[in-house]
Amino acid sequence: MFKFGKSLKTLKGLMTNRLVNNISHHQAKAFLDNGSSLHNCSINGVLEIDAGQEWEKEVVIENCIVENLRCLMVYFQKKVTIKNCYLKNASFNFSYFFGGLVIEQCIFNNYLDFEAGGHNDSGFIIIRGNQFKGFVNFCDCWFTSEVYVKENVFEKGTNICSKDQLISCDVPMQLALNSGDLSIESECRD
């Protein structure tokens, strides 16, 4: 299992040894549509979860390499879990995580966007033990339940603790042992 602090090369090497399937984004989407989890696969192309829709199934992606995960304006009714994954590109713009969100021990290679999302009414948001190589944008997010951001490396920073980026928390956010600037006052778009 990937341990916090291992390099990208080490993580990808460990995962490559465990990968069972090299699948297309169409195949991965079909698994998710059927309520199945994605484990031990390399997913090529853009895996897009239905934009502008309520998603009624739990999403679990573990021990995967994902070329591009796109979730734009998705209303996740159940928990979303992403663990021990390498994601080259990902975005969650305008997505609501009513059932909660867990992102643990992952590497995100590029800019990651959660803009105008959150809304974790009945579930926690846990972001723990990850390496974010690009900026992570939380502009205009509203967190309505507990949020834990712990043991992460934000190489290019984030605005999750900024005062001017319209980030609201109904419950005080729990922050611990993160590295990088958590209070950047912009969205750092290139």
C-alpha atoms as a PDB file:
ATOM      1  CA  MET A   1       0.000   0.000   0.000  1.00  0.00           C
ATOM      2  CA  PHE A   2       1.155   3.544  -0.768  1.00  0.00           C
ATOM      3  CA  LYS A   3       2.543   5.351   2.258  1.00  0.00           C
ATOM      4  CA  PHE A   4       2.421   9.120   2.679  1.00  0.00           C
ATOM      5  CA  GLY A   5       5.637  10.666   1.450  1.00  0.00           C
ATOM      6  CA  LYS A   6       6.534   8.109  -1.236  1.00  0.00           C
ATOM      7  CA  SER A   7       7.470   9.551  -4.577  1.00  0.00           C
ATOM      8  CA  LEU A   8       5.327   9.534  -7.692  1.00  0.00           C
ATOM      9  CA  LYS A   9       7.691   7.048  -9.331  1.00  0.00           C
ATOM     10  CA  THR A  10       7.395   4.681  -6.351  1.00  0.00           C
ATOM     11  CA  LEU A  11       3.582   4.928  -6.290  1.00  0.00           C
ATOM     12  CA  LYS A  12       3.239   4.327 -10.020  1.00  0.00           C
ATOM     13  CA  GLY A  13       5.670   1.400  -9.768  1.00  0.00           C
ATOM     14  CA  LEU A  14       3.692  -0.205  -6.931  1.00  0.00           C
ATOM     15  CA  MET A  15       0.423   0.326  -8.758  1.00  0.00           C
ATOM     16  CA  THR A  16       1.717  -0.984 -12.087  1.00  0.00           C
ATOM     17  CA  ASN A  17       2.583  -4.264 -10.365  1.00  0.00           C
ATOM     18  CA  ARG A  18      -0.986  -4.532  -9.035  1.00  0.00           C
ATOM     19  CA  LEU A  19      -2.940  -3.350 -12.071  1.00  0.00           C
ATOM     20  CA  VAL A  20      -5.184  -6.046 -13.448  1.00  0.00           C
ATOM     21  CA  ASN A  21      -6.930  -4.227 -16.279  1.00  0.00           C
ATOM     22  CA  ASN A  22      -6.085  -1.538 -18.765  1.00  0.00           C
ATOM     23  CA  ILE A  23      -9.564  -0.199 -19.596  1.00  0.00           C
ATOM     24  CA  SER A  24     -11.044   2.634 -21.609  1.00  0.00           C
ATOM     25  CA  HIS A  25     -13.016   5.467 -20.102  1.00  0.00           C
ATOM     26  CA  HIS A  26     -16.146   3.957 -21.704  1.00  0.00           C
ATOM     27  CA  GLN A  27     -15.595   0.658 -19.871  1.00  0.00           C
ATOM     28  CA  ALA A  28     -14.894   2.451 -16.584  1.00  0.00           C
ATOM     29  CA  LYS A  29     -18.060   4.542 -16.948  1.00  0.00           C
ATOM     30  CA  ALA A  30     -20.102   1.387 -17.629  1.00  0.00           C
ATOM     31  CA  PHE A  31     -18.797  -0.138 -14.379  1.00  0.00           C
ATOM     32  CA  LEU A  32     -19.760   3.004 -12.437  1.00  0.00           C
ATOM     33  CA  ASP A  33     -23.164   3.155 -14.165  1.00  0.00           C
ATOM     34  CA  ASN A  34     -23.822  -0.383 -12.888  1.00  0.00           C
ATOM     35  CA  GLY A  35     -22.834   0.556  -9.334  1.00  0.00           C
ATOM     36  CA  SER A  36     -19.510  -1.328  -9.481  1.00  0.00           C
ATOM     37  CA  SER A  37     -16.254  -0.094  -7.994  1.00  0.00           C
ATOM     38  CA  LEU A  38     -13.083   0.468  -9.976  1.00  0.00           C
ATOM     39  CA  HIS A  39     -10.065  -1.369  -8.533  1.00  0.00           C
ATOM     40  CA  ASN A  40      -6.561  -2.039  -9.842  1.00  0.00           C
ATOM     41  CA  CYS A  41      -6.981  -0.586 -13.320  1.00  0.00           C
ATOM     42  CA  SER A  42      -5.447   1.949 -15.615  1.00  0.00           C
ATOM     43  CA  ILE A  43      -8.172   4.092 -17.162  1.00  0.00           C
ATOM     44  CA  ASN A  44      -7.396   5.751 -20.493  1.00  0.00           C
ATOM     45  CA  GLY A  45      -9.214   8.796 -21.866  1.00  0.00           C
ATOM     46  CA  VAL A  46     -11.651  11.126 -20.105  1.00  0.00           C
ATOM     47  CA  LEU A  47     -13.805   9.356 -17.508  1.00  0.00           C
ATOM     48  CA  GLU A  48     -16.737  11.745 -17.195  1.00  0.00           C
ATOM     49  CA  ILE A  49     -19.534  11.297 -14.706  1.00  0.00           C
ATOM     50  CA  ASP A  50     -22.833  12.686 -15.983  1.00  0.00           C
ATOM     51  CA  ALA A  51     -22.662  16.489 -15.868  1.00  0.00           C
ATOM     52  CA  GLY A  52     -25.668  18.273 -14.430  1.00  0.00           C
ATOM     53  CA  GLN A  53     -27.169  15.079 -13.011  1.00  0.00           C
ATOM     54  CA  GLU A  54     -27.897  13.524  -9.643  1.00  0.00           C
ATOM     55  CA  TRP A  55     -25.633  10.499  -9.176  1.00  0.00           C
ATOM     56  CA  GLU A  56     -27.397   7.944  -6.959  1.00  0.00           C
ATOM     57  CA  LYS A  57     -24.618   5.353  -6.720  1.00  0.00           C
ATOM     58  CA  GLU A  58     -21.604   5.203  -4.439  1.00  0.00           C
ATOM     59  CA  VAL A  59     -18.366   5.869  -6.329  1.00  0.00           C
ATOM     60  CA  VAL A  60     -15.244   3.910  -5.328  1.00  0.00           C
ATOM     61  CA  ILE A  61     -11.982   4.215  -7.251  1.00  0.00           C
ATOM     62  CA  GLU A  62      -9.030   2.430  -5.615  1.00  0.00           C
ATOM     63  CA  ASN A  63      -5.498   1.555  -6.701  1.00  0.00           C
ATOM     64  CA  CYS A  64      -6.025   3.035 -10.161  1.00  0.00           C
ATOM     65  CA  ILE A  65      -4.165   5.206 -12.615  1.00  0.00           C
ATOM     66  CA  VAL A  66      -6.632   7.655 -14.172  1.00  0.00           C
ATOM     67  CA  GLU A  67      -5.750   9.742 -17.196  1.00  0.00           C
ATOM     68  CA  ASN A  68      -8.583  12.241 -16.691  1.00  0.00           C
ATOM     69  CA  LEU A  69     -11.526  12.233 -14.234  1.00  0.00           C
ATOM     70  CA  ARG A  70     -14.116  14.902 -14.995  1.00  0.00           C
ATOM     71  CA  CYS A  71     -17.077  15.530 -12.696  1.00  0.00           C
ATOM     72  CA  LEU A  72     -18.700  18.828 -13.644  1.00  0.00           C
ATOM     73  CA  MET A  73     -21.840  19.831 -11.770  1.00  0.00           C
ATOM     74  CA  VAL A  74     -22.547  16.324 -10.472  1.00  0.00           C
ATOM     75  CA  TYR A  75     -24.797  15.955  -7.410  1.00  0.00           C
ATOM     76  CA  PHE A  76     -23.360  12.911  -5.645  1.00  0.00           C
ATOM     77  CA  GLN A  77     -26.072  11.544  -3.336  1.00  0.00           C
ATOM     78  CA  LYS A  78     -23.772   8.860  -1.879  1.00  0.00           C
ATOM     79  CA  LYS A  79     -20.155   8.825  -0.805  1.00  0.00           C
ATOM     80  CA  VAL A  80     -17.320   9.249  -3.303  1.00  0.00           C
ATOM     81  CA  THR A  81     -14.072   7.449  -2.367  1.00  0.00           C
ATOM     82  CA  ILE A  82     -10.786   7.798  -4.233  1.00  0.00           C
ATOM     83  CA  LYS A  83      -7.870   5.959  -2.581  1.00  0.00           C
ATOM     84  CA  ASN A  84      -4.321   5.069  -3.556  1.00  0.00           C
ATOM     85  CA  CYS A  85      -4.696   6.493  -7.057  1.00  0.00           C
ATOM     86  CA  TYR A  86      -2.613   8.499  -9.483  1.00  0.00           C
ATOM     87  CA  LEU A  87      -4.715  11.032 -11.394  1.00  0.00           C
ATOM     88  CA  LYS A  88      -3.040  12.912 -14.205  1.00  0.00           C
ATOM     89  CA  ASN A  89      -5.995  15.313 -14.552  1.00  0.00           C
ATOM     90  CA  ALA A  90      -9.154  15.707 -12.482  1.00  0.00           C
ATOM     91  CA  SER A  91     -11.882  18.282 -11.905  1.00  0.00           C
ATOM     92  CA  PHE A  92     -14.950  18.504  -9.697  1.00  0.00           C
ATOM     93  CA  ASN A  93     -16.262  21.973 -10.622  1.00  0.00           C
ATOM     94  CA  PHE A  94     -19.717  22.758  -9.187  1.00  0.00           C
ATOM     95  CA  SER A  95     -20.052  19.219  -7.764  1.00  0.00           C
ATOM     96  CA  TYR A  96     -21.912  18.568  -4.521  1.00  0.00           C
ATOM     97  CA  PHE A  97     -20.911  15.714  -2.243  1.00  0.00           C
ATOM     98  CA  PHE A  98     -24.113  15.197  -0.253  1.00  0.00           C
ATOM     99  CA  GLY A  99     -22.991  11.723   0.864  1.00  0.00           C
ATOM    100  CA  GLY A 100     -19.391  12.740   1.565  1.00  0.00           C
ATOM    101  CA  LEU A 101     -16.012  12.581  -0.123  1.00  0.00           C
ATOM    102  CA  VAL A 102     -12.863  10.658   0.830  1.00  0.00           C
ATOM    103  CA  ILE A 103      -9.611  11.267  -1.038  1.00  0.00           C
ATOM    104  CA  GLU A 104      -6.694   9.417   0.571  1.00  0.00           C
ATOM    105  CA  GLN A 105      -3.113   8.665  -0.427  1.00  0.00           C
ATOM    106  CA  CYS A 106      -3.436   9.861  -4.006  1.00  0.00           C
ATOM    107  CA  ILE A 107      -1.274  11.884  -6.332  1.00  0.00           C
ATOM    108  CA  PHE A 108      -2.918  14.563  -8.464  1.00  0.00           C
ATOM    109  CA  ASN A 109      -0.487  15.609 -11.182  1.00  0.00           C
ATOM    110  CA  ASN A 110      -2.105  18.884 -12.360  1.00  0.00           C
ATOM    111  CA  TYR A 111      -4.425  21.712 -11.335  1.00  0.00           C
ATOM    112  CA  LEU A 112      -7.434  20.374  -9.397  1.00  0.00           C
ATOM    113  CA  ASP A 113     -10.698  22.305  -9.295  1.00  0.00           C
ATOM    114  CA  PHE A 114     -13.493  21.999  -6.714  1.00  0.00           C
ATOM    115  CA  GLU A 115     -14.885  25.482  -7.488  1.00  0.00           C
ATOM    116  CA  ALA A 116     -18.427  26.222  -6.249  1.00  0.00           C
ATOM    117  CA  GLY A 117     -18.821  22.754  -4.747  1.00  0.00           C
ATOM    118  CA  GLY A 118     -18.927  21.087  -1.357  1.00  0.00           C
ATOM    119  CA  HIS A 119     -22.398  20.803   0.148  1.00  0.00           C
ATOM    120  CA  ASN A 120     -21.538  17.672   2.101  1.00  0.00           C
ATOM    121  CA  ASP A 121     -24.847  17.652   3.988  1.00  0.00           C
ATOM    122  CA  SER A 122     -24.819  14.134   5.434  1.00  0.00           C
ATOM    123  CA  GLY A 123     -21.215  13.085   4.945  1.00  0.00           C
ATOM    124  CA  PHE A 124     -17.711  14.104   5.900  1.00  0.00           C
ATOM    125  CA  ILE A 125     -15.119  15.359   3.475  1.00  0.00           C
ATOM    126  CA  ILE A 126     -11.757  13.758   4.231  1.00  0.00           C
ATOM    127  CA  ILE A 127      -8.689  14.784   2.234  1.00  0.00           C
ATOM    128  CA  ARG A 128      -5.731  12.972   3.799  1.00  0.00           C
ATOM    129  CA  GLY A 129      -2.219  11.911   2.844  1.00  0.00           C
ATOM    130  CA  ASN A 130      -2.251  13.207  -0.732  1.00  0.00           C
ATOM    131  CA  GLN A 131       0.302  14.893  -2.949  1.00  0.00           C
ATOM    132  CA  PHE A 132      -1.087  17.722  -5.061  1.00  0.00           C
ATOM    133  CA  LYS A 133       1.493  18.717  -7.676  1.00  0.00           C
ATOM    134  CA  GLY A 134      -0.667  21.551  -9.064  1.00  0.00           C
ATOM    135  CA  PHE A 135      -2.768  24.222  -7.381  1.00  0.00           C
ATOM    136  CA  VAL A 136      -6.021  23.057  -5.707  1.00  0.00           C
ATOM    137  CA  ASN A 137      -8.932  25.499  -6.119  1.00  0.00           C
ATOM    138  CA  PHE A 138     -11.805  25.649  -3.607  1.00  0.00           C
ATOM    139  CA  CYS A 139     -13.135  29.094  -4.616  1.00  0.00           C
ATOM    140  CA  ASP A 140     -16.820  29.583  -3.679  1.00  0.00           C
ATOM    141  CA  CYS A 141     -17.166  26.205  -1.918  1.00  0.00           C
ATOM    142  CA  TRP A 142     -19.679  25.799   0.888  1.00  0.00           C
ATOM    143  CA  PHE A 143     -19.008  22.955   3.309  1.00  0.00           C
ATOM    144  CA  THR A 144     -22.140  22.146   5.297  1.00  0.00           C
ATOM    145  CA  SER A 145     -20.703  19.342   7.452  1.00  0.00           C
ATOM    146  CA  GLU A 146     -17.307  18.261   8.749  1.00  0.00           C
ATOM    147  CA  VAL A 147     -14.165  18.667   6.631  1.00  0.00           C
ATOM    148  CA  TYR A 148     -10.787  17.122   7.487  1.00  0.00           C
ATOM    149  CA  VAL A 149      -7.679  18.179   5.550  1.00  0.00           C
ATOM    150  CA  LYS A 150      -4.674  16.382   7.003  1.00  0.00           C
ATOM    151  CA  GLU A 151      -1.167  15.243   6.050  1.00  0.00           C
ATOM    152  CA  ASN A 152      -1.291  16.588   2.483  1.00  0.00           C
ATOM    153  CA  VAL A 153       1.415  18.157   0.348  1.00  0.00           C
ATOM    154  CA  PHE A 154       0.176  21.143  -1.664  1.00  0.00           C
ATOM    155  CA  GLU A 155       3.187  21.796  -3.900  1.00  0.00           C
ATOM    156  CA  LYS A 156       1.660  24.849  -5.626  1.00  0.00           C
ATOM    157  CA  GLY A 157      -0.693  25.709  -2.770  1.00  0.00           C
ATOM    158  CA  THR A 158      -4.433  25.993  -2.358  1.00  0.00           C
ATOM    159  CA  ASN A 159      -7.002  28.598  -1.346  1.00  0.00           C
ATOM    160  CA  ILE A 160      -8.950  26.389   1.070  1.00  0.00           C
ATOM    161  CA  CYS A 161      -8.091  28.737   3.974  1.00  0.00           C
ATOM    162  CA  SER A 162      -8.224  32.026   2.059  1.00  0.00           C
ATOM    163  CA  LYS A 163     -10.329  34.886   3.378  1.00  0.00           C
ATOM    164  CA  ASP A 164     -11.323  36.374  -0.001  1.00  0.00           C
ATOM    165  CA  GLN A 165     -12.280  33.309  -2.070  1.00  0.00           C
ATOM    166  CA  LEU A 166     -15.840  32.875  -0.721  1.00  0.00           C
ATOM    167  CA  ILE A 167     -15.172  29.592   1.094  1.00  0.00           C
ATOM    168  CA  SER A 168     -17.769  28.869   3.795  1.00  0.00           C
ATOM    169  CA  CYS A 169     -17.752  26.225   6.512  1.00  0.00           C
ATOM    170  CA  ASP A 170     -20.796  25.581   8.705  1.00  0.00           C
ATOM    171  CA  VAL A 171     -18.571  23.399  10.930  1.00  0.00           C
ATOM    172  CA  PRO A 172     -14.971  24.507  11.638  1.00  0.00           C
ATOM    173  CA  MET A 173     -12.570  22.777   9.254  1.00  0.00           C
ATOM    174  CA  GLN A 174     -10.032  20.382  10.818  1.00  0.00           C
ATOM    175  CA  LEU A 175      -6.524  21.040   9.451  1.00  0.00           C
ATOM    176  CA  ALA A 176      -3.332  19.261  10.522  1.00  0.00           C
ATOM    177  CA  LEU A 177       0.151  18.457   9.240  1.00  0.00           C
ATOM    178  CA  ASN A 178      -0.287  19.878   5.735  1.00  0.00           C
ATOM    179  CA  SER A 179       2.581  21.410   3.800  1.00  0.00           C
ATOM    180  CA  GLY A 180       2.327  24.218   1.274  1.00  0.00           C
ATOM    181  CA  ASP A 181       0.448  27.516   1.307  1.00  0.00           C
ATOM    182  CA  LEU A 182      -3.221  26.915   2.208  1.00  0.00           C
ATOM    183  CA  SER A 183      -4.240  30.605   2.049  1.00  0.00           C
ATOM    184  CA  ILE A 184      -3.513  31.753  -1.486  1.00  0.00           C
ATOM    185  CA  GLU A 185      -5.873  34.609  -2.369  1.00  0.00           C
ATOM    186  CA  SER A 186      -6.626  33.611  -5.965  1.00  0.00           C
ATOM    187  CA  GLU A 187      -7.702  30.699  -8.137  1.00  0.00           C
ATOM    188  CA  CYS A 188      -4.194  30.442  -9.689  1.00  0.00           C
ATOM    189  CA  ARG A 189      -5.444  29.627 -13.167  1.00  0.00           C
ATOM    190  CA  ASP A 190      -2.706  29.458 -15.756  1.00  0.00           C
END
